[in-house]
Amino acid sequence: MKIRFAVLVGTAMSLVAIATADAAGISVGAAPKGEAQFVASKIIKDNHPTCKKVSGAKRRPDGSISAQCDGANFLVFTVFNPKEGRTLELALNCSAAKKHLNVGC
């Protein structure tokens, strides 16, 4: 039950951050610096705790990372909210990234 709740909360946080991006002046940016596999593993597992194994992580020209976890494709990136003065590290499955950000993996 705790894992399902954590996944729900992580996904909800991601969607709220994206849904308010235009209204709040939040900008979408590159994933944090570092080796793509390590960065993607950390952020995907933080956002999606049921993920067991991250593979195939590759940094894209825009600095985001595309990776797979347990057969699902993810986009790893950051968003900065100037009103809060903080950056969020997010991982969305590719269908959600396409739907909410119009960005393909």
Protein backbone atom coordinates (compact mmCIF):
# COMPACT_ATOMS: atom_id res chain seq x y z
CA MET A 1 0.00 0.00 0.00
CA LYS A 2 2.84 2.42 0.80
CA ILE A 3 4.50 1.89 -2.59
CA ARG A 4 1.25 2.50 -4.47
CA PHE A 5 0.68 5.67 -2.46
CA ALA A 6 4.24 6.84 -3.18
CA VAL A 7 3.79 6.23 -6.90
CA LEU A 8 0.49 8.10 -6.85
CA VAL A 9 2.01 11.03 -4.98
CA GLY A 10 5.09 11.15 -7.27
CA THR A 11 2.95 11.04 -10.39
CA ALA A 12 0.55 13.64 -9.01
CA MET A 13 3.44 15.99 -8.17
CA SER A 14 4.80 15.61 -11.69
CA LEU A 15 1.45 16.34 -13.29
CA VAL A 16 0.75 19.33 -11.04
CA ALA A 17 4.15 20.81 -11.87
CA ILE A 18 3.52 20.36 -15.57
CA ALA A 19 -0.08 21.55 -15.51
CA THR A 20 0.93 24.80 -13.86
CA ALA A 21 4.06 25.35 -15.94
CA ASP A 22 2.58 27.90 -18.33
CA ALA A 23 0.50 29.73 -15.75
CA ALA A 24 3.28 30.06 -13.18
CA GLY A 25 6.19 30.80 -15.50
CA ILE A 26 7.83 27.47 -14.79
CA SER A 27 10.46 26.54 -17.33
CA VAL A 28 11.26 22.99 -18.43
CA GLY A 29 14.96 22.20 -18.64
CA ALA A 30 17.67 19.60 -18.97
CA ALA A 31 18.16 16.76 -16.56
CA PRO A 32 20.87 17.34 -13.93
CA LYS A 33 24.47 16.97 -15.06
CA GLY A 34 26.16 13.63 -14.69
CA GLU A 35 26.31 10.21 -16.28
CA ALA A 36 22.91 9.58 -17.92
CA GLN A 37 22.36 6.09 -16.46
CA PHE A 38 23.08 7.23 -12.88
CA VAL A 39 20.98 10.43 -13.14
CA ALA A 40 18.04 8.65 -14.79
CA SER A 41 18.11 5.80 -12.25
CA LYS A 42 17.97 8.16 -9.30
CA ILE A 43 15.20 10.40 -10.65
CA ILE A 44 13.03 7.62 -12.10
CA LYS A 45 13.23 5.64 -8.86
CA ASP A 46 12.45 8.78 -6.81
CA ASN A 47 9.38 9.51 -8.96
CA HIS A 48 8.35 5.89 -9.59
CA PRO A 49 9.45 3.72 -6.63
CA THR A 50 8.14 0.50 -8.20
CA CYS A 51 10.81 0.76 -10.90
CA LYS A 52 13.28 -2.07 -10.47
CA LYS A 53 15.84 -1.61 -13.23
CA VAL A 54 16.63 1.43 -15.36
CA SER A 55 18.35 0.73 -18.67
CA GLY A 56 19.19 2.35 -21.97
CA ALA A 57 19.58 5.86 -20.58
CA LYS A 58 20.73 8.36 -23.20
CA ARG A 59 21.10 12.10 -22.94
CA ARG A 60 19.18 13.95 -25.64
CA PRO A 61 20.44 17.09 -27.46
CA ASP A 62 18.24 19.29 -25.22
CA GLY A 63 19.87 17.82 -22.09
CA SER A 64 16.91 15.70 -21.02
CA ILE A 65 17.37 11.94 -20.73
CA SER A 66 15.34 9.16 -22.28
CA ALA A 67 15.50 5.85 -20.46
CA GLN A 68 13.61 2.63 -19.91
CA CYS A 69 12.50 1.07 -16.66
CA ASP A 70 10.98 -2.38 -16.53
CA GLY A 71 9.97 -2.05 -20.19
CA ALA A 72 8.39 1.42 -19.89
CA ASN A 73 9.93 4.48 -21.57
CA PHE A 74 10.58 7.62 -19.53
CA LEU A 75 11.68 11.21 -20.09
CA VAL A 76 13.85 12.66 -17.31
CA PHE A 77 14.08 16.46 -17.01
CA THR A 78 13.83 19.40 -14.59
CA VAL A 79 11.37 22.21 -14.10
CA PHE A 80 12.17 25.48 -12.36
CA ASN A 81 9.48 27.46 -10.57
CA PRO A 82 10.66 31.05 -10.05
CA LYS A 83 7.90 31.79 -7.56
CA GLU A 84 9.15 29.03 -5.27
CA GLY A 85 12.79 29.47 -6.27
CA ARG A 86 13.39 25.75 -6.67
CA THR A 87 14.02 23.12 -9.30
CA LEU A 88 12.16 19.81 -9.41
CA GLU A 89 13.72 16.70 -10.94
CA LEU A 90 11.01 14.77 -12.76
CA ALA A 91 10.53 11.56 -14.71
CA LEU A 92 7.40 11.05 -16.81
CA ASN A 93 6.48 8.09 -18.92
CA CYS A 94 6.68 9.00 -22.59
CA SER A 95 2.93 9.07 -23.20
CA ALA A 96 2.45 11.60 -20.37
CA ALA A 97 5.39 13.68 -21.64
CA LYS A 98 3.83 13.78 -25.10
CA LYS A 99 0.36 14.60 -23.77
CA HIS A 100 1.33 17.27 -21.23
CA LEU A 101 4.50 18.74 -22.72
CA ASN A 102 4.11 17.82 -26.38
CA VAL A 103 7.60 16.31 -26.16
CA GLY A 104 8.33 12.87 -27.52
CA CYS A 105 10.87 10.50 -26.07
